[in-house]
C-alpha atoms as a PDB file:
ATOM      1  CA  MET A   1      -1.658  13.708 -14.614  1.00  0.00           C
ATOM      2  CA  SER A   2      -1.975  13.046 -10.878  1.00  0.00           C
ATOM      3  CA  VAL A   3      -2.751   9.690  -9.270  1.00  0.00           C
ATOM      4  CA  LEU A   4      -6.219  10.974  -8.367  1.00  0.00           C
ATOM      5  CA  GLU A   5      -6.906  11.831 -12.011  1.00  0.00           C
ATOM      6  CA  ALA A   6      -5.557   8.452 -13.133  1.00  0.00           C
ATOM      7  CA  LEU A   7      -7.985   6.622 -10.818  1.00  0.00           C
ATOM      8  CA  ASN A   8     -10.875   8.099 -12.826  1.00  0.00           C
ATOM      9  CA  ILE A   9     -13.273   8.112  -9.868  1.00  0.00           C
ATOM     10  CA  PRO A  10     -15.960  10.604  -8.810  1.00  0.00           C
ATOM     11  CA  THR A  11     -14.399  13.375  -6.747  1.00  0.00           C
ATOM     12  CA  LEU A  12     -15.804  15.879  -4.291  1.00  0.00           C
ATOM     13  CA  THR A  13     -14.778  19.285  -3.070  1.00  0.00           C
ATOM     14  CA  LYS A  14     -11.649  18.713  -0.997  1.00  0.00           C
ATOM     15  CA  GLN A  15     -12.404  18.490   2.713  1.00  0.00           C
ATOM     16  CA  ARG A  16      -9.498  19.065   5.080  1.00  0.00           C
ATOM     17  CA  VAL A  17      -8.910  16.457   7.778  1.00  0.00           C
ATOM     18  CA  PRO A  18      -6.935  18.188  10.562  1.00  0.00           C
ATOM     19  CA  VAL A  19      -3.904  16.136  11.569  1.00  0.00           C
ATOM     20  CA  LYS A  20      -4.529  17.068  15.203  1.00  0.00           C
ATOM     21  CA  THR A  21      -8.086  15.688  15.042  1.00  0.00           C
ATOM     22  CA  LEU A  22      -6.886  12.492  13.388  1.00  0.00           C
ATOM     23  CA  VAL A  23      -4.263  11.956  16.102  1.00  0.00           C
ATOM     24  CA  GLU A  24      -6.838  12.574  18.840  1.00  0.00           C
ATOM     25  CA  GLN A  25      -9.192  10.039  17.271  1.00  0.00           C
ATOM     26  CA  LEU A  26      -6.483   7.438  16.711  1.00  0.00           C
ATOM     27  CA  GLN A  27      -4.863   7.811  20.155  1.00  0.00           C
ATOM     28  CA  PRO A  28      -1.541   6.382  18.947  1.00  0.00           C
ATOM     29  CA  THR A  29       1.504   5.539  21.019  1.00  0.00           C
ATOM     30  CA  PRO A  30       3.925   8.456  21.549  1.00  0.00           C
ATOM     31  CA  GLU A  31       6.202   6.936  18.890  1.00  0.00           C
ATOM     32  CA  ASN A  32       3.409   6.688  16.310  1.00  0.00           C
ATOM     33  CA  LYS A  33       2.167  10.162  17.212  1.00  0.00           C
ATOM     34  CA  ARG A  34       5.630  11.532  16.404  1.00  0.00           C
ATOM     35  CA  LEU A  35       5.634   9.516  13.178  1.00  0.00           C
ATOM     36  CA  ILE A  36       2.358  11.069  12.001  1.00  0.00           C
ATOM     37  CA  GLU A  37       3.152  14.624  13.072  1.00  0.00           C
ATOM     38  CA  SER A  38       6.664  14.567  11.594  1.00  0.00           C
ATOM     39  CA  HIS A  39       5.549  13.140   8.242  1.00  0.00           C
ATOM     40  CA  VAL A  40       2.089  14.526   7.435  1.00  0.00           C
ATOM     41  CA  ALA A  41       1.787  18.091   6.180  1.00  0.00           C
ATOM     42  CA  SER A  42      -1.909  17.882   5.229  1.00  0.00           C
ATOM     43  CA  ILE A  43      -4.746  15.424   4.655  1.00  0.00           C
ATOM     44  CA  TYR A  44      -7.795  15.985   2.461  1.00  0.00           C
ATOM     45  CA  LEU A  45     -10.799  13.793   1.740  1.00  0.00           C
ATOM     46  CA  VAL A  46     -11.060  13.944  -2.055  1.00  0.00           C
ATOM     47  CA  SER A  47     -13.527  11.172  -2.894  1.00  0.00           C
ATOM     48  CA  LEU A  48     -16.189   9.048  -1.234  1.00  0.00           C
ATOM     49  CA  LEU A  49     -16.977   5.829  -3.077  1.00  0.00           C
ATOM     50  CA  ASN A  50     -20.361   4.344  -2.203  1.00  0.00           C
ATOM     51  CA  GLU A  51     -23.592   3.152  -3.794  1.00  0.00           C
ATOM     52  CA  GLN A  52     -24.553   6.702  -4.776  1.00  0.00           C
ATOM     53  CA  THR A  53     -21.241   7.556  -6.461  1.00  0.00           C
ATOM     54  CA  ILE A  54     -20.084   4.293  -8.101  1.00  0.00           C
ATOM     55  CA  HIS A  55     -23.313   2.245  -7.918  1.00  0.00           C
ATOM     56  CA  TYR A  56     -21.965  -0.729  -5.974  1.00  0.00           C
ATOM     57  CA  ARG A  57     -23.966  -1.695  -2.915  1.00  0.00           C
ATOM     58  CA  ALA A  58     -22.511  -1.716   0.574  1.00  0.00           C
ATOM     59  CA  TYR A  59     -21.407  -4.983   2.156  1.00  0.00           C
ATOM     60  CA  ARG A  60     -21.467  -6.132   5.758  1.00  0.00           C
ATOM     61  CA  ASP A  61     -21.215  -9.449   7.556  1.00  0.00           C
ATOM     62  CA  ASP A  62     -19.776 -10.601  10.888  1.00  0.00           C
ATOM     63  CA  ASP A  63     -16.216  -9.993   9.702  1.00  0.00           C
ATOM     64  CA  TYR A  64     -16.279  -7.091   7.255  1.00  0.00           C
ATOM     65  CA  SER A  65     -17.902  -3.688   6.808  1.00  0.00           C
ATOM     66  CA  TYR A  66     -17.752  -1.878   3.475  1.00  0.00           C
ATOM     67  CA  GLN A  67     -20.279   0.942   3.723  1.00  0.00           C
ATOM     68  CA  ALA A  68     -18.068   3.388   1.821  1.00  0.00           C
ATOM     69  CA  ILE A  69     -14.483   3.779   0.657  1.00  0.00           C
ATOM     70  CA  TYR A  70     -12.667   6.967   1.658  1.00  0.00           C
ATOM     71  CA  VAL A  71     -10.029   8.351  -0.715  1.00  0.00           C
ATOM     72  CA  LEU A  72      -7.546  10.629   1.035  1.00  0.00           C
ATOM     73  CA  GLN A  73      -4.884  12.860  -0.474  1.00  0.00           C
ATOM     74  CA  ILE A  74      -1.874  13.300   1.790  1.00  0.00           C
ATOM     75  CA  THR A  75       0.987  15.745   1.366  1.00  0.00           C
ATOM     76  CA  LEU A  76       4.100  14.496   3.128  1.00  0.00           C
ATOM     77  CA  LYS A  77       6.892  16.373   4.854  1.00  0.00           C
ATOM     78  CA  LYS A  78       9.258  13.474   4.122  1.00  0.00           C
ATOM     79  CA  ASN A  79       8.909  10.123   2.412  1.00  0.00           C
ATOM     80  CA  ASP A  80      10.525   7.513   4.638  1.00  0.00           C
ATOM     81  CA  GLN A  81       8.681   4.916   6.799  1.00  0.00           C
ATOM     82  CA  LEU A  82       5.717   4.979   4.429  1.00  0.00           C
ATOM     83  CA  THR A  83       4.502   1.486   5.341  1.00  0.00           C
ATOM     84  CA  ASP A  84       4.410   2.310   9.063  1.00  0.00           C
ATOM     85  CA  LEU A  85       2.869   5.717   8.412  1.00  0.00           C
ATOM     86  CA  SER A  86       0.167   4.446   6.060  1.00  0.00           C
ATOM     87  CA  SER A  87      -0.748   1.682   8.531  1.00  0.00           C
ATOM     88  CA  GLN A  88      -1.450   4.339  11.142  1.00  0.00           C
ATOM     89  CA  LEU A  89      -3.485   6.456   8.729  1.00  0.00           C
ATOM     90  CA  HIS A  90      -5.560   3.507   7.498  1.00  0.00           C
ATOM     91  CA  ALA A  91      -6.259   2.536  11.114  1.00  0.00           C
ATOM     92  CA  ALA A  92      -7.695   5.978  11.860  1.00  0.00           C
ATOM     93  CA  PHE A  93     -10.765   5.271   9.708  1.00  0.00           C
ATOM     94  CA  PRO A  94     -13.266   2.458  10.390  1.00  0.00           C
ATOM     95  CA  GLU A  95     -14.172   2.010   6.726  1.00  0.00           C
ATOM     96  CA  PRO A  96     -11.692   1.036   3.976  1.00  0.00           C
ATOM     97  CA  THR A  97      -9.425   3.765   2.688  1.00  0.00           C
ATOM     98  CA  ILE A  98      -7.294   4.534  -0.350  1.00  0.00           C
ATOM     99  CA  LEU A  99      -4.345   6.776   0.494  1.00  0.00           C
ATOM    100  CA  LEU A 100      -2.754   8.948  -2.188  1.00  0.00           C
ATOM    101  CA  MET A 101       0.541  10.248  -0.817  1.00  0.00           C
ATOM    102  CA  GLU A 102       2.762  12.840  -2.450  1.00  0.00           C
ATOM    103  CA  HIS A 103       6.155  14.347  -1.687  1.00  0.00           C
ATOM    104  CA  THR A 104       7.968  16.720  -4.055  1.00  0.00           C
ATOM    105  CA  ASP A 105       7.699  14.977  -7.457  1.00  0.00           C
ATOM    106  CA  LYS A 106       6.852  11.470  -6.206  1.00  0.00           C
ATOM    107  CA  GLU A 107       3.475   9.827  -5.563  1.00  0.00           C
ATOM    108  CA  TRP A 108       2.389   6.623  -3.827  1.00  0.00           C
ATOM    109  CA  ILE A 109      -0.855   4.708  -3.407  1.00  0.00           C
ATOM    110  CA  SER A 110      -1.686   2.591  -0.380  1.00  0.00           C
ATOM    111  CA  VAL A 111      -4.585   0.218   0.250  1.00  0.00           C
ATOM    112  CA  ALA A 112      -5.287  -1.884   3.327  1.00  0.00           C
ATOM    113  CA  PRO A 113      -8.091  -4.460   3.660  1.00  0.00           C
ATOM    114  CA  LYS A 114      -9.674  -4.400   7.128  1.00  0.00           C
ATOM    115  CA  ARG A 115     -11.837  -6.714   9.188  1.00  0.00           C
ATOM    116  CA  ILE A 116     -14.062  -5.995  12.161  1.00  0.00           C
ATOM    117  CA  SER A 117     -12.266  -6.466  15.473  1.00  0.00           C
ATOM    118  CA  LYS A 118     -13.358  -9.549  17.412  1.00  0.00           C
ATOM    119  CA  ILE A 119     -12.743  -7.695  20.671  1.00  0.00           C
ATOM    120  CA  ASP A 120     -14.453  -4.388  19.872  1.00  0.00           C
ATOM    121  CA  GLN A 121     -16.867  -4.438  16.930  1.00  0.00           C
ATOM    122  CA  THR A 122     -16.761  -0.641  16.654  1.00  0.00           C
ATOM    123  CA  LYS A 123     -13.142  -0.941  15.525  1.00  0.00           C
ATOM    124  CA  THR A 124     -11.376  -2.557  12.579  1.00  0.00           C
ATOM    125  CA  VAL A 125      -8.084  -4.402  12.224  1.00  0.00           C
ATOM    126  CA  LEU A 126      -5.780  -4.171   9.208  1.00  0.00           C
ATOM    127  CA  GLU A 127      -5.363  -7.491   7.414  1.00  0.00           C
ATOM    128  CA  ASP A 128      -2.753  -6.152   5.033  1.00  0.00           C
ATOM    129  CA  ASN A 129      -1.171  -2.915   3.866  1.00  0.00           C
ATOM    130  CA  VAL A 130       0.410  -2.418   0.475  1.00  0.00           C
ATOM    131  CA  VAL A 131       2.230   0.734  -0.623  1.00  0.00           C
ATOM    132  CA  GLN A 132       3.442   1.243  -4.177  1.00  0.00           C
ATOM    133  CA  GLU A 133       5.157   4.168  -5.832  1.00  0.00           C
ATOM    134  CA  ILE A 134       3.331   5.377  -8.928  1.00  0.00           C
ATOM    135  CA  ASN A 135       5.210   6.574 -11.991  1.00  0.00           C
ATOM    136  CA  THR A 136       4.156   7.661 -15.470  1.00  0.00           C
ATOM    137  CA  GLU A 137       3.937   4.067 -16.719  1.00  0.00           C
ATOM    138  CA  SER A 138       1.955   2.639 -13.808  1.00  0.00           C
ATOM    139  CA  MET A 139      -0.593   5.464 -14.026  1.00  0.00           C
ATOM    140  CA  ASN A 140      -1.875   3.772 -17.179  1.00  0.00           C
ATOM    141  CA  TYR A 141      -3.199   0.871 -15.080  1.00  0.00           C
ATOM    142  CA  LEU A 142      -4.912   2.803 -12.279  1.00  0.00           C
ATOM    143  CA  ASN A 143      -8.278   3.376 -13.963  1.00  0.00           C
ATOM    144  CA  LEU A 144     -10.709   2.063 -11.332  1.00  0.00           C
ATOM    145  CA  SER A 145     -13.715   2.794 -13.557  1.00  0.00           C
ATOM    146  CA  GLN A 146     -12.805  -0.371 -15.478  1.00  0.00           C
ATOM    147  CA  ILE A 147     -13.491  -2.562 -12.438  1.00  0.00           C
ATOM    148  CA  THR A 148     -16.604  -4.734 -12.538  1.00  0.00           C
ATOM    149  CA  ALA A 149     -17.721  -5.755  -9.051  1.00  0.00           C
ATOM    150  CA  ILE A 150     -20.733  -7.131  -7.184  1.00  0.00           C
ATOM    151  CA  ASN A 151     -20.390  -4.880  -4.134  1.00  0.00           C
ATOM    152  CA  LEU A 152     -17.984  -2.461  -2.416  1.00  0.00           C
ATOM    153  CA  LYS A 153     -15.985  -5.260  -0.797  1.00  0.00           C
ATOM    154  CA  ASP A 154     -15.402  -6.900  -4.164  1.00  0.00           C
ATOM    155  CA  TYR A 155     -14.539  -3.489  -5.658  1.00  0.00           C
ATOM    156  CA  TYR A 156     -11.950  -2.812  -2.961  1.00  0.00           C
ATOM    157  CA  THR A 157     -10.484  -6.327  -3.248  1.00  0.00           C
ATOM    158  CA  LYS A 158      -9.981  -5.769  -6.976  1.00  0.00           C
ATOM    159  CA  THR A 159      -8.405  -2.383  -6.271  1.00  0.00           C
ATOM    160  CA  VAL A 160      -5.926  -4.080  -3.927  1.00  0.00           C
ATOM    161  CA  GLN A 161      -5.077  -6.594  -6.665  1.00  0.00           C
ATOM    162  CA  ILE A 162      -4.393  -3.728  -9.085  1.00  0.00           C
ATOM    163  CA  VAL A 163      -1.977  -2.172  -6.602  1.00  0.00           C
ATOM    164  CA  TYR A 164      -0.182  -5.504  -6.196  1.00  0.00           C
ATOM    165  CA  LYS A 165       0.043  -5.820  -9.979  1.00  0.00           C
ATOM    166  CA  ILE A 166       1.639  -2.373 -10.070  1.00  0.00           C
ATOM    167  CA  GLY A 167       4.160  -3.753  -7.578  1.00  0.00           C
ATOM    168  CA  VAL A 168       4.921  -6.495 -10.099  1.00  0.00           C
ATOM    169  CA  LEU A 169       5.213  -3.873 -12.847  1.00  0.00           C
ATOM    170  CA  ASN A 170       7.749  -2.007 -10.709  1.00  0.00           C
ATOM    171  CA  LEU A 171       9.782  -5.236 -10.368  1.00  0.00           C
ATOM    172  CA  ILE A 172       9.741  -6.708 -13.875  1.00  0.00           C
ATOM    173  CA  LYS A 173       8.638  -3.726 -16.025  1.00  0.00           C
ATOM    174  CA  VAL A 174       5.657  -5.704 -17.353  1.00  0.00           C
ATOM    175  CA  TYR A 175       2.078  -5.360 -16.088  1.00  0.00           C
ATOM    176  CA  PRO A 176       0.623  -8.828 -15.373  1.00  0.00           C
ATOM    177  CA  THR A 177      -2.769  -9.816 -16.734  1.00  0.00           C
ATOM    178  CA  ALA A 178      -3.178 -13.107 -14.847  1.00  0.00           C
ATOM    179  CA  ASP A 179      -4.717 -13.086 -11.367  1.00  0.00           C
ATOM    180  CA  LEU A 180      -2.080 -14.813  -9.236  1.00  0.00           C
ATOM    181  CA  ASP A 181      -1.219 -14.521  -5.550  1.00  0.00           C
ATOM    182  CA  TYR A 182       0.998 -11.498  -6.124  1.00  0.00           C
ATOM    183  CA  LYS A 183       0.819 -10.564  -2.453  1.00  0.00           C
ATOM    184  CA  SER A 184       2.815 -13.630  -1.374  1.00  0.00           C
ATOM    185  CA  ILE A 185       5.255 -13.328  -4.276  1.00  0.00           C
ATOM    186  CA  ILE A 186       6.004  -9.648  -3.636  1.00  0.00           C
ATOM    187  CA  LYS A 187       6.365 -10.162   0.113  1.00  0.00           C
ATOM    188  CA  GLU A 188       8.781 -13.036  -0.560  1.00  0.00           C
ATOM    189  CA  TYR A 189      10.796 -10.762  -2.864  1.00  0.00           C
ATOM    190  CA  GLN A 190      10.826  -7.964  -0.277  1.00  0.00           C
ATOM    191  CA  ALA A 191      11.924 -10.361   2.496  1.00  0.00           C
ATOM    192  CA  ILE A 192      14.834 -11.503   0.338  1.00  0.00           C
ATOM    193  CA  GLN A 193      15.750  -7.868  -0.374  1.00  0.00           C
ATOM    194  CA  THR A 194      15.807  -7.210   3.381  1.00  0.00           C
ATOM    195  CA  ASN A 195      18.176 -10.163   3.803  1.00  0.00           C
ATOM    196  CA  ILE A 196      20.413  -8.812   1.036  1.00  0.00           C
ATOM    197  CA  ASN A 197      20.514  -5.361   2.641  1.00  0.00           C
ATOM    198  CA  ASN A 198      21.427  -6.899   6.007  1.00  0.00           C
ATOM    199  CA  LEU A 199      24.166  -8.986   4.400  1.00  0.00           C
ATOM    200  CA  LYS A 200      25.592  -5.876   2.718  1.00  0.00           C
ATOM    201  CA  GLU A 201      25.813  -4.183   6.108  1.00  0.00           C
ATOM    202  CA  GLN A 202      27.498  -7.281   7.572  1.00  0.00           C
ATOM    203  CA  TYR A 203      29.964  -7.271   4.672  1.00  0.00           C
ATOM    204  CA  LYS A 204      30.942  -3.663   5.430  1.00  0.00           C
ATOM    205  CA  ARG A 205      31.638  -4.552   9.070  1.00  0.00           C
ATOM    206  CA  ALA A 206      33.486  -7.811   8.342  1.00  0.00           C
ATOM    207  CA  SER A 207      37.269  -7.721   8.793  1.00  0.00           C
ATOM    208  CA  MET A 208      38.284 -11.302   7.969  1.00  0.00           C
ATOM    209  CA  LYS A 209      38.632 -12.344   4.318  1.00  0.00           C
ATOM    210  CA  SER A 210      36.975 -15.713   5.035  1.00  0.00           C
ATOM    211  CA  GLU A 211      34.008 -13.946   6.653  1.00  0.00           C
ATOM    212  CA  LYS A 212      33.590 -11.660   3.641  1.00  0.00           C
ATOM    213  CA  MET A 213      33.705 -14.645   1.287  1.00  0.00           C
ATOM    214  CA  ASP A 214      31.007 -16.406   3.307  1.00  0.00           C
ATOM    215  CA  ILE A 215      28.775 -13.312   3.252  1.00  0.00           C
ATOM    216  CA  ASP A 216      29.417 -12.918  -0.469  1.00  0.00           C
ATOM    217  CA  ASP A 217      28.231 -16.496  -1.049  1.00  0.00           C
ATOM    218  CA  GLN A 218      25.077 -15.828   0.986  1.00  0.00           C
ATOM    219  CA  MET A 219      24.347 -12.690  -1.039  1.00  0.00           C
ATOM    220  CA  TYR A 220      24.765 -14.651  -4.257  1.00  0.00           C
ATOM    221  CA  ASP A 221      22.245 -17.240  -3.023  1.00  0.00           C
ATOM    222  CA  GLU A 222      19.729 -14.542  -2.060  1.00  0.00           C
ATOM    223  CA  GLU A 223      20.150 -12.706  -5.369  1.00  0.00           C
ATOM    224  CA  THR A 224      19.602 -16.006  -7.200  1.00  0.00           C
ATOM    225  CA  LYS A 225      16.335 -16.444  -5.284  1.00  0.00           C
ATOM    226  CA  GLN A 226      15.265 -12.968  -6.394  1.00  0.00           C
ATOM    227  CA  LYS A 227      16.086 -13.726 -10.025  1.00  0.00           C
ATOM    228  CA  ASN A 228      14.020 -16.911  -9.806  1.00  0.00           C
ATOM    229  CA  ILE A 229      11.055 -14.922  -8.461  1.00  0.00           C
ATOM    230  CA  VAL A 230      11.341 -12.447 -11.340  1.00  0.00           C
ATOM    231  CA  LYS A 231      11.480 -15.391 -13.755  1.00  0.00           C
ATOM    232  CA  ARG A 232       8.306 -16.888 -12.208  1.00  0.00           C
ATOM    233  CA  LEU A 233       6.541 -13.553 -12.491  1.00  0.00           C
ATOM    234  CA  LYS A 234       7.484 -13.117 -16.137  1.00  0.00           C
ATOM    235  CA  GLU A 235       6.277 -16.633 -16.932  1.00  0.00           C
ATOM    236  CA  GLY A 236       2.929 -15.815 -15.307  1.00  0.00           C
ATOM    237  CA  VAL A 237       2.401 -12.557 -17.204  1.00  0.00           C
END
């Protein structure tokens, strides 16, 4: 089963989105242009979620526009820098998007809530971007047809929460049922992991025994913080 099949959403005949056209529309910096062109092999629109297809009405106010949700299937040339890449791809579309990325035998889902730009109301600004790898176990929790919502904004918000819960599943091997602020918890965990990775690099470069001992103590403290986060998550499941 693919991620698209697991979502259990109405699909349409695949429509190719040329990478060249997307880059021209986005007008990225030279660095981001290289990022897109070096990573994206193909993009296809595979589903359009709106009032006609999933029966939730559009939503718009001064800050948000949810007229439709675009679901895009992306074949990657390589699978690094996925957060940076997905941020660029989400930004290329004014309406909310769900990105389904695949590379060899791995698949990821990315969602990114957007708000209307205060400077230019024809553009949107990403409020968040979450990317999670999907495996056989997490596919069991991707069924978006089980969502009950009042409009497309609410539907997308609940989709984002599902993706964050899959992030928790990837961490503690248990899918949470409570609705907590998983965004903050996961970002805290990831920040600590970044610190641990940096400390490991410092440890490799350290030459003095006392310096290595100090770094080792710092790593222990950071790993303890991570264990406490996992404990909190398990208590909230």
